Amino acid sequence: MRDGSDDEYVGYVSARVPALRRLAYVLTGDGHRADDLVQQTITTLYVKWQRARGADNLDGYVRTMLIRTFLDEKRLAWARVRLFREAPEPAPVTDGGTEDREVIRAALRRLPRRQRAVLVLRFFYDLPVDEVARMLDCSPGTVKSHTSRGLTALRGQLGVRALATP
């Protein structure tokens, strides 16, 4: 980029990396994988910067890139590599307000990727169904069904019963 847009790109990315990392961490549950996901996303953003900077909602555009990178990651061969036959014991629960967050993060990690992405975008980022559908390139009905199934699975894992409807 020779027209000074390098500085614009660097300024944008520098300001947004913490928010992108938070989103990536909630999706992956692993700080190292979150860093890799953010790095891959901002590298792709650099390549597409001329087109991306003209987007109406640049933050939404980049968030969509990160989500799609996360969802496509499972297709890569290295994503199927497991170092342990069985998952290691979960980290000990710490005292204080972080206990609930850790329990929820662990439960989220056990959900399928698309359900996890939908729940994070709908409830962590408080995005409407239509925007999540655009980001995931699916119908609003699919977002709603993933939300329902994901919440049901989370309730099952956390031992929470659904409220009875009258």
N, C-alpha and C. Protein backbone atom coordinates (compact mmCIF):
# COMPACT_ATOMS: atom_id res chain seq x y z
N MET A 1 0.85 -1.17 0.00
CA MET A 1 0.00 0.00 0.00
C MET A 1 0.89 1.23 0.00
N ARG A 2 0.81 1.97 -1.06
CA ARG A 2 1.70 3.12 -1.21
C ARG A 2 1.01 4.45 -0.94
N ASP A 3 -0.28 4.46 -0.79
CA ASP A 3 -1.01 5.71 -0.68
C ASP A 3 -1.24 6.18 0.76
N GLY A 4 -0.48 5.70 1.70
CA GLY A 4 -0.64 6.11 3.09
C GLY A 4 -1.66 5.29 3.85
N SER A 5 -2.26 4.31 3.20
CA SER A 5 -3.26 3.52 3.89
C SER A 5 -2.62 2.53 4.87
N ASP A 6 -1.30 2.34 4.75
CA ASP A 6 -0.59 1.50 5.75
C ASP A 6 -0.78 2.08 7.14
N ASP A 7 -0.62 3.40 7.26
CA ASP A 7 -0.79 4.04 8.56
C ASP A 7 -2.23 3.90 9.06
N GLU A 8 -3.16 4.03 8.14
CA GLU A 8 -4.57 3.87 8.50
C GLU A 8 -4.84 2.44 8.99
N TYR A 9 -4.29 1.45 8.28
CA TYR A 9 -4.43 0.05 8.67
C TYR A 9 -3.82 -0.19 10.05
N VAL A 10 -2.60 0.26 10.25
CA VAL A 10 -1.91 0.06 11.53
C VAL A 10 -2.69 0.72 12.66
N GLY A 11 -3.19 1.92 12.44
CA GLY A 11 -3.98 2.60 13.47
C GLY A 11 -5.25 1.84 13.81
N TYR A 12 -5.93 1.36 12.78
CA TYR A 12 -7.17 0.62 13.01
C TYR A 12 -6.89 -0.67 13.78
N VAL A 13 -5.93 -1.44 13.29
CA VAL A 13 -5.64 -2.74 13.92
C VAL A 13 -5.14 -2.55 15.34
N SER A 14 -4.28 -1.57 15.57
CA SER A 14 -3.77 -1.32 16.92
C SER A 14 -4.90 -1.03 17.90
N ALA A 15 -5.90 -0.31 17.44
CA ALA A 15 -7.02 0.04 18.32
C ALA A 15 -7.96 -1.14 18.53
N ARG A 16 -8.04 -2.07 17.58
CA ARG A 16 -9.05 -3.13 17.65
C ARG A 16 -8.52 -4.48 18.11
N VAL A 17 -7.23 -4.67 18.19
CA VAL A 17 -6.69 -5.97 18.58
C VAL A 17 -7.23 -6.46 19.93
N PRO A 18 -7.31 -5.63 20.97
CA PRO A 18 -7.85 -6.15 22.23
C PRO A 18 -9.27 -6.70 22.10
N ALA A 19 -10.14 -6.01 21.38
CA ALA A 19 -11.52 -6.48 21.21
C ALA A 19 -11.55 -7.75 20.37
N LEU A 20 -10.73 -7.82 19.33
CA LEU A 20 -10.67 -9.03 18.50
C LEU A 20 -10.14 -10.20 19.30
N ARG A 21 -9.17 -9.95 20.15
CA ARG A 21 -8.61 -11.03 20.97
C ARG A 21 -9.64 -11.55 21.97
N ARG A 22 -10.43 -10.63 22.55
CA ARG A 22 -11.48 -11.06 23.48
C ARG A 22 -12.48 -11.97 22.77
N LEU A 23 -12.90 -11.57 21.58
CA LEU A 23 -13.84 -12.39 20.82
C LEU A 23 -13.22 -13.74 20.49
N ALA A 24 -11.98 -13.73 20.03
CA ALA A 24 -11.31 -14.98 19.68
C ALA A 24 -11.14 -15.88 20.90
N TYR A 25 -10.84 -15.28 22.05
CA TYR A 25 -10.67 -16.07 23.27
C TYR A 25 -11.98 -16.72 23.70
N VAL A 26 -13.06 -15.98 23.61
CA VAL A 26 -14.35 -16.55 23.98
C VAL A 26 -14.71 -17.69 23.04
N LEU A 27 -14.37 -17.56 21.77
CA LEU A 27 -14.67 -18.62 20.81
C LEU A 27 -13.80 -19.86 21.01
N THR A 28 -12.51 -19.65 21.25
CA THR A 28 -11.59 -20.79 21.30
C THR A 28 -11.36 -21.32 22.71
N GLY A 29 -11.46 -20.45 23.71
CA GLY A 29 -11.19 -20.87 25.08
C GLY A 29 -9.71 -21.06 25.36
N ASP A 30 -8.86 -20.64 24.46
CA ASP A 30 -7.41 -20.84 24.60
C ASP A 30 -6.71 -19.57 24.11
N GLY A 31 -5.90 -18.98 24.98
CA GLY A 31 -5.22 -17.74 24.64
C GLY A 31 -4.31 -17.85 23.43
N HIS A 32 -3.62 -18.98 23.30
CA HIS A 32 -2.69 -19.15 22.17
C HIS A 32 -3.46 -19.29 20.85
N ARG A 33 -4.52 -20.08 20.87
CA ARG A 33 -5.34 -20.22 19.66
C ARG A 33 -6.02 -18.90 19.33
N ALA A 34 -6.42 -18.15 20.34
CA ALA A 34 -7.03 -16.84 20.12
C ALA A 34 -6.04 -15.91 19.42
N ASP A 35 -4.79 -15.90 19.89
CA ASP A 35 -3.77 -15.07 19.25
C ASP A 35 -3.56 -15.48 17.80
N ASP A 36 -3.52 -16.79 17.53
CA ASP A 36 -3.36 -17.27 16.16
C ASP A 36 -4.53 -16.84 15.29
N LEU A 37 -5.72 -16.93 15.82
CA LEU A 37 -6.93 -16.55 15.08
C LEU A 37 -6.92 -15.06 14.75
N VAL A 38 -6.55 -14.24 15.72
CA VAL A 38 -6.47 -12.79 15.48
C VAL A 38 -5.39 -12.49 14.46
N GLN A 39 -4.24 -13.14 14.58
CA GLN A 39 -3.15 -12.90 13.63
C GLN A 39 -3.57 -13.26 12.21
N GLN A 40 -4.23 -14.38 12.07
CA GLN A 40 -4.67 -14.79 10.74
C GLN A 40 -5.70 -13.80 10.19
N THR A 41 -6.58 -13.32 11.04
CA THR A 41 -7.61 -12.38 10.62
C THR A 41 -7.01 -11.04 10.20
N ILE A 42 -6.07 -10.51 10.99
CA ILE A 42 -5.52 -9.19 10.63
C ILE A 42 -4.58 -9.30 9.43
N THR A 43 -4.00 -10.47 9.21
CA THR A 43 -3.20 -10.67 8.00
C THR A 43 -4.10 -10.65 6.77
N THR A 44 -5.21 -11.34 6.85
CA THR A 44 -6.18 -11.32 5.75
C THR A 44 -6.73 -9.92 5.54
N LEU A 45 -6.97 -9.22 6.65
CA LEU A 45 -7.46 -7.84 6.56
C LEU A 45 -6.45 -6.96 5.82
N TYR A 46 -5.17 -7.15 6.07
CA TYR A 46 -4.15 -6.36 5.40
C TYR A 46 -4.22 -6.55 3.88
N VAL A 47 -4.40 -7.80 3.48
CA VAL A 47 -4.47 -8.11 2.06
C VAL A 47 -5.71 -7.47 1.44
N LYS A 48 -6.80 -7.43 2.19
CA LYS A 48 -8.07 -6.91 1.66
C LYS A 48 -8.36 -5.48 2.14
N TRP A 49 -7.36 -4.78 2.65
CA TRP A 49 -7.58 -3.49 3.28
C TRP A 49 -8.23 -2.46 2.35
N GLN A 50 -7.81 -2.40 1.10
CA GLN A 50 -8.38 -1.40 0.19
C GLN A 50 -9.88 -1.55 0.07
N ARG A 51 -10.37 -2.76 0.01
CA ARG A 51 -11.81 -2.99 -0.09
C ARG A 51 -12.47 -2.86 1.28
N ALA A 52 -11.82 -3.36 2.31
CA ALA A 52 -12.42 -3.39 3.65
C ALA A 52 -12.62 -1.99 4.23
N ARG A 53 -11.69 -1.11 4.00
CA ARG A 53 -11.79 0.21 4.62
C ARG A 53 -12.96 1.02 4.09
N GLY A 54 -13.54 0.61 2.99
CA GLY A 54 -14.72 1.27 2.44
C GLY A 54 -16.03 0.69 2.97
N ALA A 55 -15.94 -0.31 3.85
CA ALA A 55 -17.15 -0.94 4.38
C ALA A 55 -17.92 0.03 5.26
N ASP A 56 -19.24 -0.10 5.25
CA ASP A 56 -20.10 0.77 6.07
C ASP A 56 -19.82 0.55 7.55
N ASN A 57 -19.62 -0.69 7.95
CA ASN A 57 -19.36 -1.04 9.34
C ASN A 57 -18.08 -1.86 9.38
N LEU A 58 -16.95 -1.21 9.46
CA LEU A 58 -15.66 -1.89 9.41
C LEU A 58 -15.49 -2.87 10.56
N ASP A 59 -15.94 -2.49 11.76
CA ASP A 59 -15.82 -3.41 12.89
C ASP A 59 -16.61 -4.70 12.65
N GLY A 60 -17.81 -4.57 12.13
CA GLY A 60 -18.62 -5.73 11.81
C GLY A 60 -17.99 -6.58 10.72
N TYR A 61 -17.39 -5.92 9.73
CA TYR A 61 -16.70 -6.62 8.64
C TYR A 61 -15.55 -7.46 9.19
N VAL A 62 -14.76 -6.87 10.08
CA VAL A 62 -13.60 -7.58 10.63
C VAL A 62 -14.06 -8.68 11.58
N ARG A 63 -15.11 -8.41 12.36
CA ARG A 63 -15.65 -9.45 13.25
C ARG A 63 -16.13 -10.64 12.42
N THR A 64 -16.77 -10.36 11.29
CA THR A 64 -17.23 -11.43 10.40
C THR A 64 -16.05 -12.22 9.88
N MET A 65 -14.98 -11.53 9.50
CA MET A 65 -13.77 -12.23 9.03
C MET A 65 -13.25 -13.17 10.11
N LEU A 66 -13.20 -12.69 11.35
CA LEU A 66 -12.68 -13.50 12.45
C LEU A 66 -13.57 -14.73 12.69
N ILE A 67 -14.88 -14.54 12.69
CA ILE A 67 -15.81 -15.65 12.90
C ILE A 67 -15.67 -16.68 11.80
N ARG A 68 -15.61 -16.22 10.57
CA ARG A 68 -15.49 -17.17 9.45
C ARG A 68 -14.14 -17.89 9.46
N THR A 69 -13.11 -17.21 9.87
CA THR A 69 -11.81 -17.86 10.01
C THR A 69 -11.88 -18.94 11.08
N PHE A 70 -12.54 -18.63 12.18
CA PHE A 70 -12.72 -19.61 13.27
C PHE A 70 -13.50 -20.83 12.77
N LEU A 71 -14.59 -20.60 12.05
CA LEU A 71 -15.41 -21.71 11.57
C LEU A 71 -14.68 -22.54 10.52
N ASP A 72 -13.89 -21.90 9.67
CA ASP A 72 -13.16 -22.62 8.63
C ASP A 72 -11.94 -23.36 9.17
N GLU A 73 -11.49 -23.00 10.36
CA GLU A 73 -10.30 -23.61 10.94
C GLU A 73 -10.42 -25.12 11.08
N LYS A 74 -11.61 -25.61 11.31
CA LYS A 74 -11.79 -27.05 11.52
C LYS A 74 -11.49 -27.86 10.27
N ARG A 75 -11.46 -27.20 9.11
CA ARG A 75 -11.15 -27.91 7.87
C ARG A 75 -9.66 -28.16 7.70
N LEU A 76 -8.85 -27.42 8.43
CA LEU A 76 -7.40 -27.56 8.31
C LEU A 76 -6.93 -28.83 9.00
N ALA A 77 -5.92 -29.46 8.44
CA ALA A 77 -5.43 -30.73 8.98
C ALA A 77 -4.89 -30.58 10.41
N TRP A 78 -4.21 -29.48 10.71
CA TRP A 78 -3.62 -29.35 12.04
C TRP A 78 -4.68 -29.22 13.13
N ALA A 79 -5.88 -28.79 12.76
CA ALA A 79 -6.94 -28.63 13.75
C ALA A 79 -7.40 -29.97 14.30
N ARG A 80 -7.12 -31.05 13.57
CA ARG A 80 -7.52 -32.39 14.03
C ARG A 80 -6.44 -33.07 14.86
N VAL A 81 -5.28 -32.47 15.00
CA VAL A 81 -4.20 -33.04 15.77
C VAL A 81 -4.51 -32.92 17.26
N ARG A 82 -4.42 -34.01 17.97
CA ARG A 82 -4.63 -34.02 19.41
C ARG A 82 -3.39 -34.60 20.07
N LEU A 83 -2.92 -33.93 21.09
CA LEU A 83 -1.71 -34.37 21.76
C LEU A 83 -1.98 -35.39 22.86
N PHE A 84 -3.22 -35.48 23.30
CA PHE A 84 -3.58 -36.39 24.38
C PHE A 84 -4.66 -37.34 23.90
N ARG A 85 -4.61 -38.55 24.40
CA ARG A 85 -5.67 -39.50 24.08
C ARG A 85 -6.97 -39.04 24.73
N GLU A 86 -6.87 -38.57 25.96
CA GLU A 86 -8.02 -38.05 26.68
C GLU A 86 -7.71 -36.60 27.06
N ALA A 87 -8.75 -35.83 27.20
CA ALA A 87 -8.56 -34.44 27.59
C ALA A 87 -7.96 -34.39 29.00
N PRO A 88 -7.01 -33.49 29.23
CA PRO A 88 -6.45 -33.38 30.57
C PRO A 88 -7.50 -32.90 31.56
N GLU A 89 -7.23 -33.10 32.81
CA GLU A 89 -8.14 -32.65 33.86
C GLU A 89 -8.36 -31.15 33.72
N PRO A 90 -9.58 -30.69 33.97
CA PRO A 90 -9.82 -29.24 33.88
C PRO A 90 -9.02 -28.50 34.94
N ALA A 91 -8.73 -27.24 34.64
CA ALA A 91 -7.98 -26.41 35.58
C ALA A 91 -8.80 -26.24 36.86
N PRO A 92 -8.14 -26.16 37.99
CA PRO A 92 -8.88 -25.98 39.24
C PRO A 92 -9.64 -24.66 39.22
N VAL A 93 -10.82 -24.70 39.80
CA VAL A 93 -11.66 -23.51 39.84
C VAL A 93 -11.10 -22.55 40.87
N THR A 94 -11.00 -21.28 40.48
CA THR A 94 -10.47 -20.29 41.39
C THR A 94 -11.61 -19.63 42.16
N ASP A 95 -11.29 -19.07 43.30
CA ASP A 95 -12.30 -18.39 44.10
C ASP A 95 -12.61 -17.04 43.49
N GLY A 96 -13.77 -16.52 43.83
CA GLY A 96 -14.13 -15.17 43.38
C GLY A 96 -15.07 -15.20 42.21
N GLY A 97 -15.20 -14.07 41.55
CA GLY A 97 -16.15 -13.89 40.46
C GLY A 97 -15.78 -14.60 39.18
N THR A 98 -14.58 -15.11 39.07
CA THR A 98 -14.17 -15.75 37.82
C THR A 98 -14.67 -17.19 37.73
N GLU A 99 -15.14 -17.74 38.82
CA GLU A 99 -15.57 -19.14 38.81
C GLU A 99 -16.68 -19.38 37.79
N ASP A 100 -17.70 -18.55 37.80
CA ASP A 100 -18.81 -18.73 36.86
C ASP A 100 -18.34 -18.57 35.42
N ARG A 101 -17.48 -17.60 35.18
CA ARG A 101 -16.98 -17.40 33.82
C ARG A 101 -16.20 -18.61 33.32
N GLU A 102 -15.39 -19.19 34.17
CA GLU A 102 -14.61 -20.36 33.77
C GLU A 102 -15.51 -21.55 33.49
N VAL A 103 -16.53 -21.73 34.30
CA VAL A 103 -17.46 -22.84 34.10
C VAL A 103 -18.19 -22.65 32.76
N ILE A 104 -18.62 -21.44 32.49
CA ILE A 104 -19.33 -21.17 31.23
C ILE A 104 -18.39 -21.32 30.04
N ARG A 105 -17.16 -20.84 30.16
CA ARG A 105 -16.19 -21.00 29.06
C ARG A 105 -15.93 -22.47 28.78
N ALA A 106 -15.79 -23.26 29.83
CA ALA A 106 -15.56 -24.70 29.63
C ALA A 106 -16.76 -25.35 28.94
N ALA A 107 -17.96 -24.96 29.34
CA ALA A 107 -19.16 -25.50 28.70
C ALA A 107 -19.25 -25.06 27.24
N LEU A 108 -18.91 -23.80 26.96
CA LEU A 108 -18.92 -23.31 25.57
C LEU A 108 -17.94 -24.09 24.70
N ARG A 109 -16.78 -24.44 25.25
CA ARG A 109 -15.78 -25.16 24.47
C ARG A 109 -16.27 -26.54 24.03
N ARG A 110 -17.24 -27.09 24.76
CA ARG A 110 -17.76 -28.41 24.40
C ARG A 110 -18.87 -28.35 23.35
N LEU A 111 -19.29 -27.17 22.97
CA LEU A 111 -20.33 -27.02 21.94
C LEU A 111 -19.70 -27.07 20.56
N PRO A 112 -20.49 -27.46 19.55
CA PRO A 112 -19.99 -27.37 18.17
C PRO A 112 -19.67 -25.91 17.82
N ARG A 113 -18.76 -25.72 16.89
CA ARG A 113 -18.26 -24.39 16.56
C ARG A 113 -19.35 -23.40 16.17
N ARG A 114 -20.26 -23.79 15.31
CA ARG A 114 -21.29 -22.85 14.86
C ARG A 114 -22.22 -22.46 16.00
N GLN A 115 -22.59 -23.41 16.85
CA GLN A 115 -23.43 -23.08 18.01
C GLN A 115 -22.68 -22.13 18.93
N ARG A 116 -21.40 -22.41 19.16
CA ARG A 116 -20.59 -21.55 20.01
C ARG A 116 -20.51 -20.14 19.43
N ALA A 117 -20.26 -20.05 18.12
CA ALA A 117 -20.17 -18.73 17.48
C ALA A 117 -21.48 -17.98 17.60
N VAL A 118 -22.60 -18.66 17.39
CA VAL A 118 -23.90 -18.01 17.49
C VAL A 118 -24.14 -17.50 18.90
N LEU A 119 -23.88 -18.33 19.90
CA LEU A 119 -24.12 -17.91 21.29
C LEU A 119 -23.22 -16.74 21.68
N VAL A 120 -21.97 -16.77 21.28
CA VAL A 120 -21.05 -15.67 21.61
C VAL A 120 -21.52 -14.37 20.95
N LEU A 121 -21.87 -14.45 19.68
CA LEU A 121 -22.30 -13.24 18.98
C LEU A 121 -23.64 -12.72 19.50
N ARG A 122 -24.55 -13.62 19.80
CA ARG A 122 -25.88 -13.19 20.26
C ARG A 122 -25.84 -12.65 21.69
N PHE A 123 -25.11 -13.32 22.59
CA PHE A 123 -25.21 -12.96 24.00
C PHE A 123 -23.99 -12.22 24.54
N PHE A 124 -22.81 -12.49 24.05
CA PHE A 124 -21.63 -11.77 24.51
C PHE A 124 -21.54 -10.42 23.81
N TYR A 125 -21.83 -10.41 22.49
CA TYR A 125 -21.77 -9.17 21.72
C TYR A 125 -23.14 -8.54 21.52
N ASP A 126 -24.20 -9.20 21.95
CA ASP A 126 -25.57 -8.68 21.91
C ASP A 126 -25.97 -8.24 20.50
N LEU A 127 -25.63 -9.07 19.51
CA LEU A 127 -25.97 -8.76 18.12
C LEU A 127 -27.33 -9.35 17.77
N PRO A 128 -28.08 -8.68 16.91
CA PRO A 128 -29.39 -9.20 16.50
C PRO A 128 -29.24 -10.42 15.59
N VAL A 129 -30.30 -11.19 15.50
CA VAL A 129 -30.32 -12.42 14.71
C VAL A 129 -29.91 -12.16 13.26
N ASP A 130 -30.45 -11.12 12.66
CA ASP A 130 -30.16 -10.85 11.24
C ASP A 130 -28.68 -10.55 11.00
N GLU A 131 -28.05 -9.82 11.91
CA GLU A 131 -26.62 -9.51 11.75
C GLU A 131 -25.77 -10.77 11.92
N VAL A 132 -26.13 -11.61 12.88
CA VAL A 132 -25.39 -12.87 13.07
C VAL A 132 -25.56 -13.74 11.83
N ALA A 133 -26.77 -13.77 11.27
CA ALA A 133 -27.01 -14.57 10.06
C ALA A 133 -26.14 -14.07 8.91
N ARG A 134 -26.01 -12.76 8.76
CA ARG A 134 -25.14 -12.21 7.70
C ARG A 134 -23.68 -12.59 7.95
N MET A 135 -23.26 -12.51 9.21
CA MET A 135 -21.87 -12.81 9.52
C MET A 135 -21.54 -14.28 9.25
N LEU A 136 -22.48 -15.17 9.54
CA LEU A 136 -22.24 -16.60 9.37
C LEU A 136 -22.69 -17.12 8.01
N ASP A 137 -23.24 -16.21 7.20
CA ASP A 137 -23.70 -16.56 5.86
C ASP A 137 -24.73 -17.70 5.92
N CYS A 138 -25.76 -17.49 6.75
CA CYS A 138 -26.83 -18.46 6.87
C CYS A 138 -28.14 -17.72 7.08
N SER A 139 -29.22 -18.45 7.21
CA SER A 139 -30.53 -17.81 7.37
C SER A 139 -30.77 -17.45 8.84
N PRO A 140 -31.65 -16.49 9.10
CA PRO A 140 -32.01 -16.17 10.48
C PRO A 140 -32.60 -17.37 11.22
N GLY A 141 -33.32 -18.22 10.50
CA GLY A 141 -33.87 -19.43 11.12
C GLY A 141 -32.78 -20.37 11.62
N THR A 142 -31.69 -20.45 10.86
CA THR A 142 -30.55 -21.28 11.28
C THR A 142 -29.92 -20.71 12.54
N VAL A 143 -29.80 -19.39 12.61
CA VAL A 143 -29.25 -18.75 13.81
C VAL A 143 -30.14 -19.06 15.00
N LYS A 144 -31.46 -18.96 14.81
CA LYS A 144 -32.38 -19.23 15.91
C LYS A 144 -32.30 -20.68 16.37
N SER A 145 -32.20 -21.62 15.43
CA SER A 145 -32.12 -23.03 15.82
C SER A 145 -30.79 -23.33 16.51
N HIS A 146 -29.69 -22.73 16.02
CA HIS A 146 -28.40 -22.91 16.70
C HIS A 146 -28.44 -22.31 18.10
N THR A 147 -29.12 -21.17 18.25
CA THR A 147 -29.26 -20.55 19.56
C THR A 147 -30.01 -21.48 20.50
N SER A 148 -31.12 -22.00 20.03
CA SER A 148 -31.94 -22.89 20.86
C SER A 148 -31.17 -24.15 21.25
N ARG A 149 -30.57 -24.79 20.28
CA ARG A 149 -29.82 -26.03 20.56
C ARG A 149 -28.61 -25.77 21.45
N GLY A 150 -27.93 -24.66 21.20
CA GLY A 150 -26.76 -24.32 22.02
C GLY A 150 -27.14 -24.04 23.46
N LEU A 151 -28.22 -23.27 23.66
CA LEU A 151 -28.67 -22.99 25.03
C LEU A 151 -29.13 -24.26 25.74
N THR A 152 -29.81 -25.14 25.01
CA THR A 152 -30.24 -26.41 25.60
C THR A 152 -29.03 -27.24 26.01
N ALA A 153 -28.02 -27.29 25.16
CA ALA A 153 -26.81 -28.04 25.48
C ALA A 153 -26.09 -27.43 26.69
N LEU A 154 -26.00 -26.10 26.72
CA LEU A 154 -25.36 -25.43 27.87
C LEU A 154 -26.12 -25.72 29.15
N ARG A 155 -27.44 -25.64 29.10
CA ARG A 155 -28.24 -25.93 30.30
C ARG A 155 -27.99 -27.35 30.77
N GLY A 156 -27.92 -28.28 29.83
CA GLY A 156 -27.67 -29.68 30.17
C GLY A 156 -26.31 -29.86 30.83
N GLN A 157 -25.30 -29.20 30.30
CA GLN A 157 -23.95 -29.30 30.85
C GLN A 157 -23.86 -28.66 32.23
N LEU A 158 -24.59 -27.56 32.40
CA LEU A 158 -24.51 -26.82 33.66
C LEU A 158 -25.52 -27.29 34.70
N GLY A 159 -26.39 -28.24 34.30
CA GLY A 159 -27.37 -28.75 35.24
C GLY A 159 -28.49 -27.77 35.54
N VAL A 160 -28.80 -26.90 34.58
CA VAL A 160 -29.86 -25.90 34.77
C VAL A 160 -31.09 -26.38 34.02
N ARG A 161 -32.20 -26.41 34.68
CA ARG A 161 -33.45 -26.80 34.00
C ARG A 161 -34.04 -25.60 33.30
N ALA A 162 -34.66 -25.84 32.17
CA ALA A 162 -35.34 -24.77 31.45
C ALA A 162 -36.60 -24.39 32.23
N LEU A 163 -36.95 -23.13 32.16
CA LEU A 163 -38.15 -22.67 32.83
C LEU A 163 -39.38 -23.22 32.11
N ALA A 164 -40.33 -23.68 32.87
CA ALA A 164 -41.57 -24.20 32.27
C ALA A 164 -42.40 -23.03 31.79
N THR A 165 -42.97 -23.17 30.62
CA THR A 165 -43.84 -22.12 30.09
C THR A 165 -45.28 -22.45 30.44
N PRO A 166 -46.08 -21.46 30.83
CA PRO A 166 -47.46 -21.73 31.22
C PRO A 166 -48.33 -22.11 30.06
